Amino acid sequence: MTALSPPAASYQAAVCPAPARPVLHFTPPAGWMNDPNGLVFFEGEYHLFYQYYPHDRVWGPMHWGHAVSRDLVHWQHLAPALAPDEAGMCFSGSAIVDRHDTSGLFEGEPGLLAFYTAHRTAPDDPEDYVQEQCLAYSRDRGRSWHRYAGNPIMANPGRRDFRDPKVIWHAPSRRWVMALACGQAIQFHVSADLLTWRLASTFGEGQGAHTRHPWECPDLFELPVADTGETRWVLVVGIGASEDNPFGSFTQYFVGDFDGERFHNENPAERVLMMDEGRDFYAVQSWSDLPEADGRRLAIAWLNNWLYANQIPEAGWRGAMSFPRELSLLATPEGVRLRQAFAREWRETCREIGRERGREKGRESAGGAVSVATPERPLAAGRHVLLDGGARAAHGRLVLGLTVGARVSLDLQQGEHQVLELTADEAGVTVRHRRRGQNGDDVFDTHFSHDQAVGRLKGRGVELEWLVDDGSLELLLDGGRLAITQLSFAVPAGRPLALAVAAGECRVAAFDYRALTG
């Protein structure tokens, strides 16, 4: 897991203002938002449900917020799909298309099913609670929802933490599978009718990372391994913030085999695979029921960290989602690993906006991207501005070559708020990230800033792709093998993009920048 320490005392905190509404990242219309839930594609629409409290800007009694999109870019807010009732709050879960009316709830037609955790607390003690699995259904493309009369479909067996059902179809066994977070493990339940479930196995003891916080927000899917003709199963697990973990909430994943009942981790049990090395990529979920012709595994995450989530600057709403990402698997010398890319819909939209902006300024290039002239000679010690006055939201790509002993810092329109540091040696490049920020709240001011050792890259060439927007900076390095997602309360509009060389030399081999707004 990523090493984390507070910034040096000399690294003064930057003031974090109330954020502007992001240009491209999904945010709630008002109030509070956390985990993505129930991601499903049905009749030409991507559905995004999310943990939602519409009546305040801090966590409260959980609803399921709801939005739909046809392109993953433009979202239409709908009325909340689920609200608390006598069974309790509506915690996280998943949604599927019941294409053949397996549940018998749709009179032979396809419909949508949402599986969620009902969280019911004692009147006088919020820490005394019961969690049960429940079902809701929609016969009108998700516009209205009805609770199943037989709820709960899975009563609590006596466990304190028993939540976040992820339901998938397992074709080889021709059964439905539910991955369910239970304390420090994931249970796998199976069903033939989506209404009655049987416990098949449990995974987690001695595997991966464990803290005092229970495991939560599981996801489970199969992916091909690039250029091998093989496939692997990926189990995604979230771990929330706890006192024994200064990093805060994070998402780990396991790679292995799943036979419809049991998951086998093919890596050493103690190995921890981080889905994102940044501190603000949590509760990852992927879309179900994408058309087979699409062939992608699309996922999204909550752009926040439970260490300071309730204290980040707000402006009538609090919480944002990451950009959707395409997930794939790659065989490496260390084993099969996840690789991430920004979903192509964002790139297509970038090209449209870039072409319009390029035509206005008379500098249109292929796809609307601005190919910035790169220095002919390696850059020596000093600060070098690669682009003056960047846009409020932008996509960029940078390819660098570092000499042995080089130490380079990148400012991607962050000013005093964030910096990415690259240090090259004979074997490769060490990556660090530094962030600073304060807003006058003790919790935020204590936990938000960091000096973070992110990882290592092989060789001395660095390929970096990023998306910057109001409120965030998302980085993909080494072709998407290393992801770093961070909240940012810098105001990117008008800020330069600069590179500072502290030692050695750095060659800029390629630099492409695409402004997404003015």
Protein backbone atom coordinates (compact mmCIF):
# COMPACT_ATOMS: atom_id res chain seq x y z
CA MET A 1 0.00 0.00 0.00
CA THR A 2 1.14 3.55 -0.70
CA ALA A 3 3.44 5.13 1.90
CA LEU A 4 2.03 8.36 3.28
CA SER A 5 3.43 11.11 5.44
CA PRO A 6 2.45 14.70 6.16
CA PRO A 7 4.21 17.41 4.15
CA ALA A 8 7.33 18.99 5.58
CA ALA A 9 6.71 21.92 7.89
CA SER A 10 8.16 24.24 5.27
CA TYR A 11 5.54 23.12 2.77
CA GLN A 12 2.90 25.74 3.53
CA ALA A 13 -0.75 24.83 3.07
CA ALA A 14 -2.77 26.44 0.28
CA VAL A 15 -6.21 27.86 0.97
CA CYS A 16 -8.97 25.69 -0.54
CA PRO A 17 -11.97 27.76 -1.69
CA ALA A 18 -15.51 26.55 -2.27
CA PRO A 19 -15.44 24.64 -5.57
CA ALA A 20 -17.06 25.61 -8.83
CA ARG A 21 -19.33 22.99 -10.38
CA PRO A 22 -17.05 20.65 -12.42
CA VAL A 23 -17.31 20.79 -16.19
CA LEU A 24 -17.22 17.03 -16.80
CA HIS A 25 -17.38 15.20 -13.47
CA PHE A 26 -20.80 14.06 -12.26
CA THR A 27 -22.07 15.84 -9.15
CA PRO A 28 -25.43 15.71 -7.33
CA PRO A 29 -27.95 18.49 -7.96
CA ALA A 30 -27.68 19.50 -4.27
CA GLY A 31 -26.87 17.94 -0.92
CA TRP A 32 -24.51 15.06 -0.21
CA MET A 33 -23.29 12.21 -2.44
CA ASN A 34 -20.98 9.25 -1.82
CA ASP A 35 -20.77 5.70 -3.27
CA PRO A 36 -21.89 4.92 -6.83
CA ASN A 37 -24.60 2.23 -6.81
CA GLY A 38 -26.61 0.18 -9.27
CA LEU A 39 -24.65 0.92 -12.44
CA VAL A 40 -26.57 -0.71 -15.28
CA PHE A 41 -27.14 -0.18 -19.01
CA PHE A 42 -30.69 -0.64 -20.28
CA GLU A 43 -32.42 0.34 -23.52
CA GLY A 44 -29.75 2.80 -24.62
CA GLU A 45 -29.24 4.48 -21.23
CA TYR A 46 -26.45 4.31 -18.66
CA HIS A 47 -27.99 4.40 -15.18
CA LEU A 48 -26.00 5.87 -12.31
CA PHE A 49 -27.44 5.50 -8.83
CA TYR A 50 -25.56 6.83 -5.82
CA GLN A 51 -25.68 7.20 -2.05
CA TYR A 52 -27.50 10.47 -1.55
CA TYR A 53 -28.74 12.72 1.23
CA PRO A 54 -30.67 15.56 -0.39
CA HIS A 55 -31.40 17.51 2.81
CA ASP A 56 -27.88 18.43 3.90
CA ARG A 57 -24.32 18.60 2.66
CA VAL A 58 -22.98 15.99 5.08
CA TRP A 59 -23.67 12.27 5.31
CA GLY A 60 -27.19 11.49 6.55
CA PRO A 61 -30.05 9.00 6.05
CA MET A 62 -29.14 7.37 2.79
CA HIS A 63 -31.30 7.52 -0.35
CA TRP A 64 -30.47 6.23 -3.83
CA GLY A 65 -29.97 9.24 -6.09
CA HIS A 66 -30.46 8.57 -9.79
CA ALA A 67 -29.28 9.94 -13.13
CA VAL A 68 -29.20 8.62 -16.71
CA SER A 69 -27.03 9.31 -19.73
CA ARG A 70 -26.74 8.13 -23.32
CA ASP A 71 -23.08 9.05 -23.70
CA LEU A 72 -21.48 9.02 -20.20
CA VAL A 73 -20.93 12.75 -20.60
CA HIS A 74 -24.30 14.49 -20.35
CA TRP A 75 -26.40 13.37 -17.39
CA GLN A 76 -30.09 13.86 -16.67
CA HIS A 77 -31.00 13.97 -12.99
CA LEU A 78 -34.07 11.93 -12.04
CA ALA A 79 -36.00 11.73 -8.79
CA PRO A 80 -34.37 9.59 -6.08
CA ALA A 81 -35.10 5.94 -6.75
CA LEU A 82 -35.18 4.81 -3.12
CA ALA A 83 -35.71 6.60 0.19
CA PRO A 84 -35.49 5.39 3.79
CA ASP A 85 -38.56 3.62 5.19
CA GLU A 86 -39.43 1.50 8.22
CA ALA A 87 -36.86 -1.10 7.10
CA GLY A 88 -34.08 1.50 7.35
CA MET A 89 -31.78 3.58 5.20
CA CYS A 90 -30.94 2.47 1.67
CA PHE A 91 -27.25 1.57 1.66
CA SER A 92 -25.13 0.57 -1.34
CA GLY A 93 -25.88 -2.19 -3.82
CA SER A 94 -26.15 -3.03 -7.50
CA ALA A 95 -28.63 -3.28 -10.36
CA ILE A 96 -29.14 -5.70 -13.24
CA VAL A 97 -31.42 -6.25 -16.20
CA ASP A 98 -33.76 -9.20 -15.54
CA ARG A 99 -33.88 -9.88 -19.24
CA HIS A 100 -35.87 -13.12 -19.12
CA ASP A 101 -38.07 -12.25 -16.12
CA THR A 102 -36.29 -14.76 -13.91
CA SER A 103 -37.74 -13.02 -10.84
CA GLY A 104 -41.31 -13.24 -12.14
CA LEU A 105 -41.84 -9.54 -11.42
CA PHE A 106 -42.20 -8.31 -15.01
CA GLU A 107 -44.96 -10.40 -16.62
CA GLY A 108 -42.54 -11.95 -19.09
CA GLU A 109 -40.89 -8.67 -20.12
CA PRO A 110 -37.40 -7.44 -19.25
CA GLY A 111 -37.08 -5.06 -16.31
CA LEU A 112 -34.62 -3.58 -13.84
CA LEU A 113 -33.80 -5.04 -10.43
CA ALA A 114 -31.95 -3.13 -7.71
CA PHE A 115 -30.35 -4.99 -4.81
CA TYR A 116 -29.53 -2.85 -1.78
CA THR A 117 -28.79 -3.06 1.93
CA ALA A 118 -31.45 -1.87 4.36
CA HIS A 119 -29.61 -0.35 7.34
CA ARG A 120 -31.80 -0.01 10.43
CA THR A 121 -30.51 1.61 13.62
CA ALA A 122 -31.78 1.51 17.18
CA PRO A 123 -33.67 4.71 18.13
CA ASP A 124 -31.17 5.65 20.83
CA ASP A 125 -27.88 4.34 19.41
CA PRO A 126 -26.73 4.72 15.77
CA GLU A 127 -23.97 2.16 16.41
CA ASP A 128 -26.59 -0.49 17.21
CA TYR A 129 -27.82 -1.53 13.80
CA VAL A 130 -29.09 -4.39 11.63
CA GLN A 131 -28.28 -4.79 7.93
CA GLU A 132 -30.38 -6.90 5.55
CA GLN A 133 -30.47 -7.37 1.79
CA CYS A 134 -33.52 -6.07 -0.05
CA LEU A 135 -34.83 -5.86 -3.60
CA ALA A 136 -36.62 -3.18 -5.63
CA TYR A 137 -37.84 -3.35 -9.22
CA SER A 138 -38.80 -1.02 -12.05
CA ARG A 139 -41.09 -1.75 -14.99
CA ASP A 140 -40.68 1.65 -16.66
CA ARG A 141 -36.97 1.99 -17.52
CA GLY A 142 -36.06 3.05 -14.01
CA ARG A 143 -38.42 6.00 -13.75
CA SER A 144 -40.30 4.54 -10.78
CA TRP A 145 -39.32 1.87 -8.27
CA HIS A 146 -41.26 -0.56 -6.12
CA ARG A 147 -39.98 -2.53 -3.15
CA TYR A 148 -40.37 -6.29 -3.37
CA ALA A 149 -43.16 -7.49 -1.07
CA GLY A 150 -40.98 -10.37 0.19
CA ASN A 151 -38.18 -8.16 1.56
CA PRO A 152 -35.73 -8.82 2.99
CA ILE A 153 -34.55 -11.38 0.47
CA MET A 154 -31.64 -12.12 2.82
CA ALA A 155 -32.11 -11.61 6.55
CA ASN A 156 -29.13 -10.83 8.76
CA PRO A 157 -27.56 -14.07 10.05
CA GLY A 158 -26.19 -12.37 13.15
CA ARG A 159 -23.36 -10.37 11.62
CA ARG A 160 -22.76 -6.72 12.46
CA ASP A 161 -21.56 -5.71 8.98
CA PHE A 162 -23.50 -7.45 6.20
CA ARG A 163 -23.89 -5.20 3.20
CA ASP A 164 -23.36 -3.90 -0.34
CA PRO A 165 -24.72 -6.72 -2.57
CA LYS A 166 -23.13 -6.96 -6.03
CA VAL A 167 -25.16 -9.30 -8.27
CA ILE A 168 -23.82 -10.77 -11.52
CA TRP A 169 -24.78 -13.55 -13.94
CA HIS A 170 -22.27 -16.43 -14.03
CA ALA A 171 -22.76 -18.02 -17.44
CA PRO A 172 -20.81 -21.29 -16.97
CA SER A 173 -22.88 -22.34 -13.94
CA ARG A 174 -26.04 -20.64 -15.26
CA ARG A 175 -26.72 -19.04 -11.89
CA TRP A 176 -26.78 -15.62 -10.35
CA VAL A 177 -24.02 -14.75 -7.90
CA MET A 178 -24.11 -12.15 -5.13
CA ALA A 179 -20.84 -10.85 -3.68
CA LEU A 180 -21.59 -9.49 -0.21
CA ALA A 181 -19.31 -7.66 2.23
CA CYS A 182 -19.32 -9.36 5.64
CA GLY A 183 -16.89 -7.92 8.16
CA GLN A 184 -13.35 -8.64 6.96
CA ALA A 185 -14.43 -10.91 4.10
CA ILE A 186 -16.57 -11.27 1.01
CA GLN A 187 -19.29 -13.91 0.91
CA PHE A 188 -20.51 -15.43 -2.35
CA HIS A 189 -24.17 -16.43 -2.52
CA VAL A 190 -25.86 -18.16 -5.48
CA SER A 191 -29.43 -18.15 -6.78
CA ALA A 192 -31.50 -19.55 -9.63
CA ASP A 193 -34.43 -17.12 -9.27
CA LEU A 194 -32.88 -13.89 -7.89
CA LEU A 195 -35.18 -14.14 -4.85
CA THR A 196 -33.77 -17.02 -2.79
CA TRP A 197 -30.07 -17.26 -2.10
CA ARG A 198 -27.63 -19.86 -0.74
CA LEU A 199 -24.24 -19.15 0.82
CA ALA A 200 -21.55 -20.85 -1.31
CA SER A 201 -18.20 -19.64 0.08
CA THR A 202 -16.26 -16.91 1.87
CA PHE A 203 -13.05 -15.19 0.77
CA GLY A 204 -10.77 -12.80 2.62
CA GLU A 205 -9.15 -14.21 5.72
CA GLY A 206 -5.43 -13.52 5.48
CA GLN A 207 -5.82 -12.06 1.98
CA GLY A 208 -4.73 -8.59 0.92
CA ALA A 209 -5.12 -5.54 3.14
CA HIS A 210 -7.09 -5.43 6.37
CA THR A 211 -7.61 -2.55 8.77
CA ARG A 212 -10.01 -1.99 11.66
CA HIS A 213 -12.62 -0.96 9.10
CA PRO A 214 -14.65 -3.79 7.51
CA TRP A 215 -14.43 -4.62 3.84
CA GLU A 216 -17.20 -3.11 1.70
CA CYS A 217 -18.42 -2.23 -1.80
CA PRO A 218 -17.37 -5.43 -3.64
CA ASP A 219 -17.39 -5.85 -7.40
CA LEU A 220 -16.70 -9.02 -9.40
CA PHE A 221 -16.09 -9.44 -13.14
CA GLU A 222 -14.14 -11.42 -15.73
CA LEU A 223 -11.75 -9.81 -18.21
CA PRO A 224 -9.52 -11.05 -21.02
CA VAL A 225 -5.78 -10.77 -20.47
CA ALA A 226 -4.37 -8.78 -23.38
CA ASP A 227 -2.49 -10.77 -26.05
CA THR A 228 -2.73 -14.11 -24.20
CA GLY A 229 -6.07 -15.66 -25.14
CA GLU A 230 -6.71 -16.14 -21.40
CA THR A 231 -9.14 -14.56 -18.94
CA ARG A 232 -9.03 -13.79 -15.23
CA TRP A 233 -11.60 -12.81 -12.63
CA VAL A 234 -11.17 -9.56 -10.71
CA LEU A 235 -12.58 -9.03 -7.21
CA VAL A 236 -12.68 -5.38 -6.12
CA VAL A 237 -12.94 -4.50 -2.42
CA GLY A 238 -13.18 -1.15 -0.66
CA ILE A 239 -11.79 -0.45 2.81
CA GLY A 240 -13.04 2.62 4.64
CA ALA A 241 -11.09 5.01 6.85
CA SER A 242 -10.04 3.96 10.35
CA GLU A 243 -7.72 5.22 13.07
CA ASP A 244 -5.03 2.68 12.22
CA ASN A 245 -4.79 3.81 8.59
CA PRO A 246 -3.53 7.37 7.89
CA PHE A 247 -4.14 6.93 4.15
CA GLY A 248 -7.91 6.82 4.67
CA SER A 249 -10.31 4.88 2.47
CA PHE A 250 -8.89 2.98 -0.51
CA THR A 251 -9.76 0.32 -3.07
CA GLN A 252 -7.83 -2.93 -3.47
CA TYR A 253 -8.34 -5.70 -5.99
CA PHE A 254 -7.56 -9.39 -6.38
CA VAL A 255 -6.87 -11.31 -9.59
CA GLY A 256 -7.62 -14.99 -9.92
CA ASP A 257 -10.25 -17.59 -10.80
CA PHE A 258 -13.93 -17.85 -9.93
CA ASP A 259 -15.86 -21.06 -10.56
CA GLY A 260 -19.32 -19.72 -9.75
CA GLU A 261 -18.98 -20.44 -6.04
CA ARG A 262 -15.39 -19.82 -4.92
CA PHE A 263 -12.79 -17.16 -5.68
CA HIS A 264 -9.11 -18.17 -5.76
CA ASN A 265 -6.46 -15.45 -5.50
CA GLU A 266 -3.54 -16.27 -7.81
CA ASN A 267 -1.18 -13.83 -6.08
CA PRO A 268 0.55 -14.36 -2.72
CA ALA A 269 -2.01 -13.79 0.02
CA GLU A 270 -0.09 -10.89 1.55
CA ARG A 271 0.21 -8.95 -1.70
CA VAL A 272 -1.90 -5.78 -1.83
CA LEU A 273 -2.93 -4.51 -5.26
CA MET A 274 -4.17 -0.93 -5.22
CA MET A 275 -6.66 0.00 -7.91
CA ASP A 276 -5.58 3.64 -7.63
CA GLU A 277 -2.61 5.06 -5.75
CA GLY A 278 -4.36 8.38 -5.17
CA ARG A 279 -6.37 9.07 -2.04
CA ASP A 280 -9.69 9.91 -3.68
CA PHE A 281 -10.85 6.91 -5.69
CA TYR A 282 -13.28 4.88 -3.61
CA ALA A 283 -16.30 2.55 -3.72
CA VAL A 284 -15.50 1.51 -7.29
CA GLN A 285 -18.36 -0.07 -9.24
CA SER A 286 -18.69 -1.22 -12.85
CA TRP A 287 -21.65 -1.13 -15.21
CA SER A 288 -23.61 -4.32 -15.79
CA ASP A 289 -25.40 -5.39 -18.96
CA LEU A 290 -23.36 -3.45 -21.50
CA PRO A 291 -24.07 -4.75 -25.03
CA GLU A 292 -21.83 -7.67 -25.94
CA ALA A 293 -20.69 -5.76 -29.03
CA ASP A 294 -19.33 -3.00 -26.80
CA GLY A 295 -16.99 -5.43 -25.07
CA ARG A 296 -15.80 -3.04 -22.36
CA ARG A 297 -15.77 -3.08 -18.58
CA LEU A 298 -16.63 0.47 -17.55
CA ALA A 299 -16.22 1.62 -13.96
CA ILE A 300 -16.57 4.76 -11.88
CA ALA A 301 -15.57 5.77 -8.35
CA TRP A 302 -16.47 8.27 -5.65
CA LEU A 303 -13.92 11.09 -5.77
CA ASN A 304 -13.38 11.48 -2.05
CA ASN A 305 -11.87 9.97 1.10
CA TRP A 306 -13.75 9.16 4.30
CA LEU A 307 -10.96 10.76 6.39
CA TYR A 308 -12.14 14.23 5.34
CA ALA A 309 -15.21 13.67 3.12
CA ASN A 310 -17.64 15.55 5.35
CA GLN A 311 -15.27 18.50 5.68
CA ILE A 312 -14.18 19.25 2.10
CA PRO A 313 -15.15 22.68 0.75
CA GLU A 314 -18.71 22.77 -0.58
CA ALA A 315 -20.98 25.08 -2.54
CA GLY A 316 -24.50 23.75 -1.96
CA TRP A 317 -23.45 20.22 -2.95
CA ARG A 318 -20.70 17.93 -1.74
CA GLY A 319 -19.27 14.95 -3.64
CA ALA A 320 -18.25 14.08 -7.20
CA MET A 321 -17.59 10.98 -9.28
CA SER A 322 -14.45 10.16 -11.23
CA PHE A 323 -14.51 10.07 -15.00
CA PRO A 324 -15.70 6.66 -16.21
CA ARG A 325 -12.78 4.37 -16.97
CA GLU A 326 -12.24 1.36 -19.17
CA LEU A 327 -10.65 -1.54 -17.31
CA SER A 328 -8.47 -4.21 -18.90
CA LEU A 329 -5.91 -6.78 -17.79
CA LEU A 330 -2.25 -6.98 -18.76
CA ALA A 331 0.30 -9.75 -18.15
CA THR A 332 3.40 -8.33 -16.43
CA PRO A 333 6.51 -9.98 -14.95
CA GLU A 334 4.91 -9.51 -11.52
CA GLY A 335 1.63 -11.13 -12.60
CA VAL A 336 -1.63 -10.10 -14.25
CA ARG A 337 -2.54 -6.50 -13.38
CA LEU A 338 -5.30 -4.01 -14.08
CA ARG A 339 -4.80 -1.29 -16.67
CA GLN A 340 -7.07 1.76 -16.85
CA ALA A 341 -7.98 4.25 -19.56
CA PHE A 342 -10.35 7.19 -19.63
CA ALA A 343 -13.53 5.97 -21.32
CA ARG A 344 -13.52 6.73 -25.03
CA GLU A 345 -16.74 8.76 -24.77
CA TRP A 346 -14.77 11.40 -22.91
CA ARG A 347 -12.14 11.48 -25.63
CA GLU A 348 -14.75 11.81 -28.36
CA THR A 349 -16.35 14.69 -26.47
CA CYS A 350 -12.90 16.21 -25.98
CA ARG A 351 -12.36 16.13 -29.72
CA GLU A 352 -15.72 17.81 -30.40
CA ILE A 353 -15.06 20.59 -27.92
CA GLY A 354 -11.46 20.88 -29.05
CA ARG A 355 -12.46 21.25 -32.70
CA GLU A 356 -14.91 24.03 -31.85
CA ARG A 357 -12.36 25.83 -29.73
CA GLY A 358 -9.65 25.28 -32.32
CA ARG A 359 -11.76 26.75 -35.12
CA GLU A 360 -12.53 29.80 -32.98
CA LYS A 361 -8.82 30.40 -32.40
CA GLY A 362 -7.73 29.39 -35.88
CA ARG A 363 -5.45 26.59 -34.77
CA GLU A 364 -7.44 23.45 -35.30
CA SER A 365 -5.40 20.25 -35.41
CA ALA A 366 -6.30 16.61 -35.89
CA GLY A 367 -9.04 15.70 -33.46
CA GLY A 368 -9.10 19.22 -32.04
CA ALA A 369 -5.97 18.66 -29.90
CA VAL A 370 -3.39 21.36 -29.48
CA SER A 371 0.06 19.86 -30.12
CA VAL A 372 2.33 22.11 -28.14
CA ALA A 373 5.80 22.74 -29.53
CA THR A 374 8.34 20.82 -27.46
CA PRO A 375 11.79 22.18 -26.59
CA GLU A 376 14.46 21.03 -29.02
CA ARG A 377 17.05 20.52 -26.29
CA PRO A 378 16.83 18.75 -22.92
CA LEU A 379 15.67 21.00 -20.12
CA ALA A 380 18.28 21.77 -17.48
CA ALA A 381 17.88 23.14 -13.96
CA GLY A 382 15.14 25.71 -13.55
CA ARG A 383 11.39 26.17 -14.02
CA HIS A 384 10.07 25.80 -17.55
CA VAL A 385 6.55 26.89 -18.52
CA LEU A 386 5.17 24.50 -21.14
CA LEU A 387 1.79 26.23 -21.49
CA ASP A 388 0.57 29.63 -20.33
CA GLY A 389 -2.94 30.05 -19.04
CA GLY A 390 -4.51 26.59 -19.15
CA ALA A 391 -8.24 25.95 -19.44
CA ARG A 392 -10.72 25.32 -16.64
CA ALA A 393 -11.01 21.70 -17.78
CA ALA A 394 -8.52 19.92 -20.00
CA HIS A 395 -7.06 16.65 -21.20
CA GLY A 396 -3.30 16.37 -21.56
CA ARG A 397 -0.58 13.93 -22.51
CA LEU A 398 3.12 14.29 -21.84
CA VAL A 399 6.07 12.01 -22.66
CA LEU A 400 9.34 12.68 -20.85
CA GLY A 401 12.85 11.23 -20.89
CA LEU A 402 14.96 11.66 -17.75
CA THR A 403 18.69 11.30 -17.29
CA VAL A 404 20.10 9.27 -14.39
CA GLY A 405 19.90 11.43 -11.28
CA ALA A 406 17.24 13.73 -12.71
CA ARG A 407 14.64 15.15 -10.34
CA VAL A 408 11.66 16.79 -12.00
CA SER A 409 8.47 18.32 -10.61
CA LEU A 410 5.29 18.74 -12.67
CA ASP A 411 2.72 21.42 -12.00
CA LEU A 412 -0.41 20.50 -13.97
CA GLN A 413 -2.28 23.77 -13.43
CA GLN A 414 -2.17 23.27 -9.67
CA GLY A 415 0.07 26.11 -8.54
CA GLU A 416 0.87 25.76 -4.85
CA HIS A 417 -1.77 23.03 -4.35
CA GLN A 418 -0.23 19.89 -5.90
CA VAL A 419 2.96 18.66 -7.50
CA LEU A 420 4.04 15.36 -9.06
CA GLU A 421 7.73 14.59 -8.51
CA LEU A 422 9.78 12.19 -10.67
CA THR A 423 13.24 11.00 -9.60
CA ALA A 424 15.30 8.86 -11.99
CA ASP A 425 18.03 6.35 -11.17
CA GLU A 426 19.71 3.54 -13.11
CA ALA A 427 16.71 1.19 -12.71
CA GLY A 428 13.78 3.49 -13.26
CA VAL A 429 11.74 6.39 -11.92
CA THR A 430 10.33 6.93 -8.43
CA VAL A 431 7.00 8.79 -8.36
CA ARG A 432 5.87 10.99 -5.46
CA HIS A 433 2.84 13.21 -5.06
CA ARG A 434 2.55 16.19 -2.74
CA ARG A 435 -0.66 17.99 -1.90
CA ARG A 436 -1.44 20.79 0.50
CA GLY A 437 -4.63 22.54 1.44
CA GLN A 438 -6.59 24.01 4.31
CA ASN A 439 -10.09 25.41 4.76
CA GLY A 440 -10.19 26.20 8.49
CA ASP A 441 -11.74 22.88 9.51
CA ASP A 442 -9.44 20.94 11.88
CA VAL A 443 -10.27 17.53 10.38
CA PHE A 444 -9.70 18.66 6.81
CA ASP A 445 -6.59 20.64 7.66
CA THR A 446 -5.10 17.64 9.50
CA HIS A 447 -5.75 14.91 6.92
CA PHE A 448 -6.01 16.46 3.45
CA SER A 449 -2.35 17.45 2.89
CA HIS A 450 0.19 14.73 2.21
CA ASP A 451 3.61 13.77 0.91
CA GLN A 452 2.95 10.46 -0.82
CA ALA A 453 5.31 7.84 -2.26
CA VAL A 454 3.23 6.55 -5.17
CA GLY A 455 5.32 3.89 -6.91
CA ARG A 456 8.05 2.99 -9.38
CA LEU A 457 8.21 3.03 -13.17
CA LYS A 458 10.64 0.88 -15.15
CA GLY A 459 13.02 2.71 -17.43
CA ARG A 460 13.58 6.45 -17.51
CA GLY A 461 10.82 7.29 -19.95
CA VAL A 462 7.59 8.61 -18.41
CA GLU A 463 4.25 8.62 -20.23
CA LEU A 464 1.58 10.65 -18.47
CA GLU A 465 -2.07 11.32 -19.35
CA TRP A 466 -4.36 13.45 -17.23
CA LEU A 467 -7.74 15.10 -16.88
CA VAL A 468 -7.98 18.30 -14.89
CA ASP A 469 -11.26 19.89 -13.84
CA ASP A 470 -12.61 22.06 -11.07
CA GLY A 471 -12.22 19.91 -7.97
CA SER A 472 -9.97 17.12 -9.25
CA LEU A 473 -6.87 15.91 -11.02
CA GLU A 474 -6.81 12.37 -12.46
CA LEU A 475 -3.48 10.93 -13.64
CA LEU A 476 -2.70 7.79 -15.62
CA LEU A 477 0.97 6.85 -15.97
CA ASP A 478 2.76 4.11 -17.87
CA GLY A 479 -0.10 3.44 -20.26
CA GLY A 480 -2.67 3.27 -17.45
CA ARG A 481 -0.78 0.77 -15.31
CA LEU A 482 -0.47 3.37 -12.54
CA ALA A 483 -3.43 5.60 -11.64
CA ILE A 484 -3.37 8.56 -9.25
CA THR A 485 -6.69 10.28 -8.52
CA GLN A 486 -6.75 13.29 -6.20
CA LEU A 487 -9.20 15.91 -5.12
CA SER A 488 -7.88 19.37 -5.87
CA PHE A 489 -9.20 22.75 -4.83
CA ALA A 490 -6.86 24.69 -7.03
CA VAL A 491 -8.67 26.85 -9.59
CA PRO A 492 -7.16 25.52 -12.84
CA ALA A 493 -8.49 28.20 -15.20
CA GLY A 494 -5.67 30.51 -16.26
CA ARG A 495 -2.95 28.61 -14.42
CA PRO A 496 0.18 27.63 -16.34
CA LEU A 497 1.45 24.12 -16.87
CA ALA A 498 5.08 23.98 -15.83
CA LEU A 499 8.00 21.62 -15.33
CA ALA A 500 10.76 22.29 -12.79
CA VAL A 501 14.12 20.52 -13.06
CA ALA A 502 15.96 20.32 -9.73
CA ALA A 503 18.74 18.01 -10.92
CA GLY A 504 19.88 16.34 -14.11
CA GLU A 505 18.09 16.89 -17.40
CA CYS A 506 14.65 16.18 -18.82
CA ARG A 507 13.66 15.88 -22.47
CA VAL A 508 10.05 16.60 -23.49
CA ALA A 509 9.40 14.06 -26.25
CA ALA A 510 5.71 14.87 -26.75
CA PHE A 511 3.14 17.24 -25.29
CA ASP A 512 -0.52 17.35 -26.34
CA TYR A 513 -3.10 19.52 -24.64
CA ARG A 514 -6.81 19.69 -25.28
CA ALA A 515 -8.86 22.47 -23.67
CA LEU A 516 -12.38 21.34 -22.84
CA THR A 517 -13.79 24.73 -21.95
CA GLY A 518 -12.76 28.34 -21.81
